[in-house]
C-alpha cells in the first residue's frame, strides 16, 4: 500500500475507476493492524483490476484531504468510484455519518468484503 500526497490525490481520483483510500496515523495500533490485513487479504486480489488502486493517506501529512472528507478518526477507509465517494468506513459509530456502511472492527473479513465491493463496482448491472 503506497502512501500518497495531497498533490497526487486529484489525479488518482481522475485516473482510476476505483480508489480505496486508507486514512491512517503512523504508530497507531489499529492503523497498523488494518494495513497488515489490507496488504494480506485485499491487495493481492487487485491484480485483476488495473484500474483500481489502494493507497494510504497520512492524516498528519495530508490534513487538507482529511478535512475535505471529514476524517476525524483513524483508521478510516473510503472507497471512491469514478471520483465519487461510495463508502466511508469508520472504526466506531459516529452519528454525523449516516452513510457509514459498516464498522471496521474487528477487521475480520475486511479484505474479502472490499474485494466483493470492487467486483460489484466493476459490474454495471449491479450499480
Protein backbone atom coordinates (compact mmCIF):
# COMPACT_ATOMS: atom_id res chain seq x y z
CA UNK A 1 0.00 0.00 0.00
CA UNK A 2 1.62 3.20 -1.19
CA UNK A 3 1.39 6.49 0.71
CA UNK A 4 0.22 9.43 -1.37
CA UNK A 5 0.39 13.20 -1.04
CA UNK A 6 -2.12 15.98 -1.48
CA UNK A 7 -0.52 16.81 -4.83
CA UNK A 8 -1.13 13.27 -6.12
CA UNK A 9 -4.70 12.92 -4.83
CA UNK A 10 -6.68 14.74 -7.59
CA UNK A 11 -5.05 12.78 -10.42
CA UNK A 12 -5.58 9.48 -8.56
CA UNK A 13 -9.31 10.15 -8.38
CA UNK A 14 -9.41 11.24 -12.00
CA UNK A 15 -7.27 8.47 -13.49
CA UNK A 16 -8.67 5.40 -11.71
CA UNK A 17 -12.01 3.66 -11.84
CA UNK A 18 -11.87 2.79 -8.12
CA UNK A 19 -9.69 4.23 -5.35
CA UNK A 20 -9.57 2.64 -1.91
CA UNK A 21 -8.06 5.15 0.50
CA UNK A 22 -6.90 4.15 3.96
CA UNK A 23 -6.55 7.17 6.22
CA UNK A 24 -4.01 6.42 8.92
CA UNK A 25 -1.70 7.78 11.57
CA UNK A 26 1.80 6.33 11.88
CA UNK A 27 2.33 4.28 15.01
CA UNK A 28 -1.37 3.89 15.79
CA UNK A 29 -2.01 0.15 16.52
CA UNK A 30 -5.39 -0.12 14.76
CA UNK A 31 -3.93 1.56 11.68
CA UNK A 32 -1.05 -0.90 11.61
CA UNK A 33 -3.47 -3.81 12.03
CA UNK A 34 -5.67 -2.55 9.20
CA UNK A 35 -2.66 -2.08 6.92
CA UNK A 36 -1.50 -5.66 7.52
CA UNK A 37 -4.96 -7.03 6.78
CA UNK A 38 -5.31 -4.94 3.61
CA UNK A 39 -1.85 -5.99 2.42
CA UNK A 40 -2.57 -9.66 3.12
CA UNK A 41 -6.27 -10.04 2.24
CA UNK A 42 -7.13 -7.26 -0.19
CA UNK A 43 -4.12 -6.01 -2.14
CA UNK A 44 -3.30 -9.38 -3.79
CA UNK A 45 -6.86 -9.56 -5.17
CA UNK A 46 -6.40 -6.28 -7.01
CA UNK A 47 -4.05 -7.86 -9.57
CA UNK A 48 -7.08 -8.44 -11.84
CA UNK A 49 -8.13 -4.79 -11.65
CA UNK A 50 -5.52 -2.48 -13.12
CA UNK A 51 -7.91 0.46 -12.81
CA UNK A 52 -8.25 0.05 -9.03
CA UNK A 53 -5.71 1.36 -6.54
CA UNK A 54 -5.18 1.04 -2.81
CA UNK A 55 -3.45 3.98 -1.18
CA UNK A 56 -2.81 5.19 2.32
CA UNK A 57 -3.16 8.79 3.37
CA UNK A 58 -1.46 10.14 6.45
CA UNK A 59 -3.91 12.44 8.20
CA UNK A 60 -0.98 14.31 9.75
CA UNK A 61 0.79 14.94 6.44
CA UNK A 62 -2.36 15.41 4.35
CA UNK A 63 -4.67 17.38 6.61
CA UNK A 64 -6.47 19.08 3.71
CA UNK A 65 -7.61 15.74 2.25
CA UNK A 66 -8.68 14.52 5.70
CA UNK A 67 -10.62 17.73 6.31
CA UNK A 68 -12.31 17.58 2.91
CA UNK A 69 -13.76 14.15 3.72
CA UNK A 70 -14.30 14.89 7.43
CA UNK A 71 -11.90 12.18 8.57
CA UNK A 72 -11.72 12.66 12.32
CA UNK A 73 -10.63 9.23 13.47
CA UNK A 74 -8.24 6.63 12.19
CA UNK A 75 -8.20 4.21 10.66
CA UNK A 76 -10.86 5.25 8.20
CA UNK A 77 -11.40 3.62 4.82
CA UNK A 78 -13.04 5.39 1.94
CA UNK A 79 -13.90 3.93 -1.42
CA UNK A 80 -14.28 6.17 -4.47
CA UNK A 81 -15.89 5.14 -7.76
CA UNK A 82 -15.26 7.48 -10.70
CA UNK A 83 -14.09 10.12 -8.20
CA UNK A 84 -17.23 9.95 -6.06
CA UNK A 85 -17.25 8.57 -2.53
CA UNK A 86 -19.34 5.39 -2.29
CA UNK A 87 -18.27 4.01 1.11
CA UNK A 88 -16.98 5.60 4.30
CA UNK A 89 -15.93 3.01 6.84
CA UNK A 90 -15.12 4.12 10.37
CA UNK A 91 -13.57 2.32 13.34
CA UNK A 92 -16.52 3.23 15.59
CA UNK A 93 -20.09 4.51 15.18
CA UNK A 94 -20.49 8.23 14.61
CA UNK A 95 -23.95 9.82 14.33
CA UNK A 96 -22.57 12.50 11.99
CA UNK A 97 -22.08 9.87 9.30
CA UNK A 98 -25.40 8.22 8.49
CA UNK A 99 -23.89 6.96 5.22
CA UNK A 100 -21.35 4.84 7.06
CA UNK A 101 -21.95 1.34 5.84
CA UNK A 102 -20.22 -0.73 8.45
CA UNK A 103 -17.94 -0.61 11.41
CA UNK A 104 -14.43 -1.88 10.65
CA UNK A 105 -13.89 -3.72 13.91
CA UNK A 106 -12.91 -6.41 14.43
CA UNK A 107 -11.43 -6.22 10.90
CA UNK A 108 -12.19 -9.90 10.28
CA UNK A 109 -13.22 -10.44 6.68
CA UNK A 110 -12.49 -6.85 5.67
CA UNK A 111 -10.32 -7.87 2.71
CA UNK A 112 -12.95 -10.15 1.21
CA UNK A 113 -15.72 -7.59 1.71
CA UNK A 114 -13.65 -4.93 -0.06
CA UNK A 115 -12.89 -7.28 -2.94
CA UNK A 116 -16.59 -8.05 -3.26
CA UNK A 117 -17.29 -4.32 -3.40
CA UNK A 118 -14.68 -3.82 -6.13
CA UNK A 119 -16.29 -6.64 -8.12
CA UNK A 120 -19.72 -5.03 -7.70
CA UNK A 121 -18.43 -1.64 -8.79
CA UNK A 122 -16.93 -3.20 -11.92
CA UNK A 123 -20.24 -4.87 -12.82
CA UNK A 124 -22.53 -2.19 -14.34
CA UNK A 125 -25.57 -4.45 -13.85
CA UNK A 126 -25.15 -4.19 -10.06
CA UNK A 127 -25.00 -0.40 -9.96
